[in-house]
Amino acid sequence: MSDLIKHVTDDSFESEVLKSDVPVLVDYWAEWCGPCKMLAPAIEELANTFSGRVRVGKVNTDDNPGTPSEYRITGIPTVILFKGGREVQRFVGMTQKSKLSAALDGLL
């Protein structure tokens, strides 16, 4: 995984996501999730493309059940975009990189 992607935990979620001074893309995933693995390369490409302008994080839902529960994650992969500490957009299931990129462009 790219050095530009943060492993976000229940404990670090507030500081890494909610208190970020730039928009944050959070990918909720699990090791056993096939579609999550298929989405991973697109998430890495977005982290590179938006480096310095957007923070990209991944939350392993098996290791960190608190945050997914709080944000009512009912299926994975789920990608949530945060800005100013609030959820602004959500994508559930396999999502095209172009849709995520356009949404991020809209936050900048």
C-alpha atoms as a PDB file:
ATOM      1  CA  MET A   1       0.000   0.000   0.000  1.00  0.00           C
ATOM      2  CA  SER A   2       1.128   3.509  -0.808  1.00  0.00           C
ATOM      3  CA  ASP A   3       2.821   5.621   1.861  1.00  0.00           C
ATOM      4  CA  LEU A   4       0.227   8.266   1.006  1.00  0.00           C
ATOM      5  CA  ILE A   5      -2.586   6.134   2.475  1.00  0.00           C
ATOM      6  CA  LYS A   6      -3.097   6.236   6.241  1.00  0.00           C
ATOM      7  CA  HIS A   7      -4.271   3.230   8.207  1.00  0.00           C
ATOM      8  CA  VAL A   8      -7.044   4.840  10.246  1.00  0.00           C
ATOM      9  CA  THR A   9      -8.214   3.188  13.457  1.00  0.00           C
ATOM     10  CA  ASP A  10     -11.098   3.850  15.822  1.00  0.00           C
ATOM     11  CA  ASP A  11      -8.589   5.646  18.056  1.00  0.00           C
ATOM     12  CA  SER A  12      -7.061   7.802  15.295  1.00  0.00           C
ATOM     13  CA  PHE A  13     -10.264   8.558  13.357  1.00  0.00           C
ATOM     14  CA  GLU A  14     -10.932  11.896  15.030  1.00  0.00           C
ATOM     15  CA  SER A  15      -7.419  13.269  14.530  1.00  0.00           C
ATOM     16  CA  GLU A  16      -6.847  11.791  11.040  1.00  0.00           C
ATOM     17  CA  VAL A  17     -10.294  12.446   9.554  1.00  0.00           C
ATOM     18  CA  LEU A  18     -12.540  14.739  11.563  1.00  0.00           C
ATOM     19  CA  LYS A  19      -9.845  17.281  12.435  1.00  0.00           C
ATOM     20  CA  SER A  20      -8.133  17.232   9.034  1.00  0.00           C
ATOM     21  CA  ASP A  21      -7.589  20.612   7.410  1.00  0.00           C
ATOM     22  CA  VAL A  22      -8.024  19.039   3.954  1.00  0.00           C
ATOM     23  CA  PRO A  23     -10.818  16.820   2.586  1.00  0.00           C
ATOM     24  CA  VAL A  24     -10.485  13.134   3.478  1.00  0.00           C
ATOM     25  CA  LEU A  25     -11.430  10.038   1.493  1.00  0.00           C
ATOM     26  CA  VAL A  26     -12.020   7.070   3.815  1.00  0.00           C
ATOM     27  CA  ASP A  27     -12.175   3.564   2.375  1.00  0.00           C
ATOM     28  CA  TYR A  28     -13.946   1.088   4.684  1.00  0.00           C
ATOM     29  CA  TRP A  29     -12.752  -2.406   3.816  1.00  0.00           C
ATOM     30  CA  ALA A  30     -11.916  -5.885   5.137  1.00  0.00           C
ATOM     31  CA  GLU A  31      -9.226  -8.407   4.237  1.00  0.00           C
ATOM     32  CA  TRP A  32     -11.774 -11.036   3.114  1.00  0.00           C
ATOM     33  CA  CYS A  33     -13.706  -8.637   0.828  1.00  0.00           C
ATOM     34  CA  GLY A  34     -13.089  -9.327  -2.868  1.00  0.00           C
ATOM     35  CA  PRO A  35     -14.620  -6.070  -4.159  1.00  0.00           C
ATOM     36  CA  CYS A  36     -12.508  -4.169  -1.588  1.00  0.00           C
ATOM     37  CA  LYS A  37      -9.365  -5.686  -3.092  1.00  0.00           C
ATOM     38  CA  MET A  38     -10.577  -4.758  -6.579  1.00  0.00           C
ATOM     39  CA  LEU A  39     -11.127  -1.135  -5.483  1.00  0.00           C
ATOM     40  CA  ALA A  40      -7.731  -0.834  -3.747  1.00  0.00           C
ATOM     41  CA  PRO A  41      -5.676   0.073  -6.867  1.00  0.00           C
ATOM     42  CA  ALA A  42      -8.079   2.932  -7.673  1.00  0.00           C
ATOM     43  CA  ILE A  43      -7.789   4.222  -4.089  1.00  0.00           C
ATOM     44  CA  GLU A  44      -3.987   4.160  -4.404  1.00  0.00           C
ATOM     45  CA  GLU A  45      -4.121   6.034  -7.704  1.00  0.00           C
ATOM     46  CA  LEU A  46      -6.377   8.677  -6.129  1.00  0.00           C
ATOM     47  CA  ALA A  47      -3.965   9.028  -3.202  1.00  0.00           C
ATOM     48  CA  ASN A  48      -1.181   9.761  -5.700  1.00  0.00           C
ATOM     49  CA  THR A  49      -3.269  12.068  -7.893  1.00  0.00           C
ATOM     50  CA  PHE A  50      -4.570  14.158  -4.983  1.00  0.00           C
ATOM     51  CA  SER A  51      -1.421  14.032  -2.856  1.00  0.00           C
ATOM     52  CA  GLY A  52      -1.091  17.160  -0.725  1.00  0.00           C
ATOM     53  CA  ARG A  53      -4.665  18.255  -1.435  1.00  0.00           C
ATOM     54  CA  VAL A  54      -6.685  15.331  -0.036  1.00  0.00           C
ATOM     55  CA  ARG A  55      -5.911  12.842   2.727  1.00  0.00           C
ATOM     56  CA  VAL A  56      -6.693   9.191   1.945  1.00  0.00           C
ATOM     57  CA  GLY A  57      -7.321   6.698   4.707  1.00  0.00           C
ATOM     58  CA  LYS A  58      -8.419   3.093   5.039  1.00  0.00           C
ATOM     59  CA  VAL A  59     -10.412   1.663   7.944  1.00  0.00           C
ATOM     60  CA  ASN A  60     -10.307  -2.111   8.372  1.00  0.00           C
ATOM     61  CA  THR A  61     -13.845  -2.820   9.561  1.00  0.00           C
ATOM     62  CA  ASP A  62     -12.878  -6.104  11.236  1.00  0.00           C
ATOM     63  CA  ASP A  63     -10.120  -4.529  13.344  1.00  0.00           C
ATOM     64  CA  ASN A  64     -11.983  -1.272  14.035  1.00  0.00           C
ATOM     65  CA  PRO A  65     -15.715  -1.923  14.542  1.00  0.00           C
ATOM     66  CA  GLY A  66     -16.516   1.344  16.346  1.00  0.00           C
ATOM     67  CA  THR A  67     -16.165   3.828  13.504  1.00  0.00           C
ATOM     68  CA  PRO A  68     -18.068   1.736  10.912  1.00  0.00           C
ATOM     69  CA  SER A  69     -20.863   1.291  13.442  1.00  0.00           C
ATOM     70  CA  GLU A  70     -20.972   5.027  14.169  1.00  0.00           C
ATOM     71  CA  TYR A  71     -21.219   5.829  10.458  1.00  0.00           C
ATOM     72  CA  ARG A  72     -23.709   3.013   9.797  1.00  0.00           C
ATOM     73  CA  ILE A  73     -21.526   1.101   7.354  1.00  0.00           C
ATOM     74  CA  THR A  74     -23.738  -1.805   6.298  1.00  0.00           C
ATOM     75  CA  GLY A  75     -21.759  -3.035   3.293  1.00  0.00           C
ATOM     76  CA  ILE A  76     -18.203  -2.861   2.076  1.00  0.00           C
ATOM     77  CA  PRO A  77     -16.471  -1.446   0.244  1.00  0.00           C
ATOM     78  CA  THR A  78     -17.866   1.896   1.331  1.00  0.00           C
ATOM     79  CA  VAL A  79     -16.035   5.133   0.572  1.00  0.00           C
ATOM     80  CA  ILE A  80     -16.983   8.266   2.487  1.00  0.00           C
ATOM     81  CA  LEU A  81     -15.717  11.735   1.705  1.00  0.00           C
ATOM     82  CA  PHE A  82     -15.306  14.084   4.670  1.00  0.00           C
ATOM     83  CA  LYS A  83     -14.743  17.827   4.657  1.00  0.00           C
ATOM     84  CA  GLY A  84     -14.583  20.039   7.716  1.00  0.00           C
ATOM     85  CA  GLY A  85     -15.194  17.047   9.974  1.00  0.00           C
ATOM     86  CA  ARG A  86     -18.493  16.105   8.323  1.00  0.00           C
ATOM     87  CA  GLU A  87     -19.534  13.433   5.851  1.00  0.00           C
ATOM     88  CA  VAL A  88     -20.282  15.060   2.511  1.00  0.00           C
ATOM     89  CA  GLN A  89     -20.641  12.090   0.162  1.00  0.00           C
ATOM     90  CA  ARG A  90     -20.873   8.297   0.352  1.00  0.00           C
ATOM     91  CA  PHE A  91     -20.270   5.564  -2.207  1.00  0.00           C
ATOM     92  CA  VAL A  92     -21.317   1.980  -1.416  1.00  0.00           C
ATOM     93  CA  GLY A  93     -19.993  -0.984  -3.389  1.00  0.00           C
ATOM     94  CA  MET A  94     -17.655  -0.944  -6.353  1.00  0.00           C
ATOM     95  CA  THR A  95     -17.335   2.627  -7.553  1.00  0.00           C
ATOM     96  CA  GLN A  96     -15.533   3.863 -10.635  1.00  0.00           C
ATOM     97  CA  LYS A  97     -12.363   5.806  -9.990  1.00  0.00           C
ATOM     98  CA  SER A  98     -13.669   8.575 -12.253  1.00  0.00           C
ATOM     99  CA  LYS A  99     -16.698   9.110  -9.976  1.00  0.00           C
ATOM    100  CA  LEU A 100     -14.508   9.307  -6.879  1.00  0.00           C
ATOM    101  CA  SER A 101     -12.093  11.642  -8.653  1.00  0.00           C
ATOM    102  CA  ALA A 102     -14.914  13.957  -9.784  1.00  0.00           C
ATOM    103  CA  ALA A 103     -16.326  14.024  -6.243  1.00  0.00           C
ATOM    104  CA  LEU A 104     -12.908  14.912  -4.821  1.00  0.00           C
ATOM    105  CA  ASP A 105     -12.456  17.638  -7.434  1.00  0.00           C
ATOM    106  CA  GLY A 106     -15.777  19.048  -6.282  1.00  0.00           C
ATOM    107  CA  LEU A 107     -14.510  19.329  -2.703  1.00  0.00           C
ATOM    108  CA  LEU A 108     -11.402  21.320  -3.629  1.00  0.00           C
END
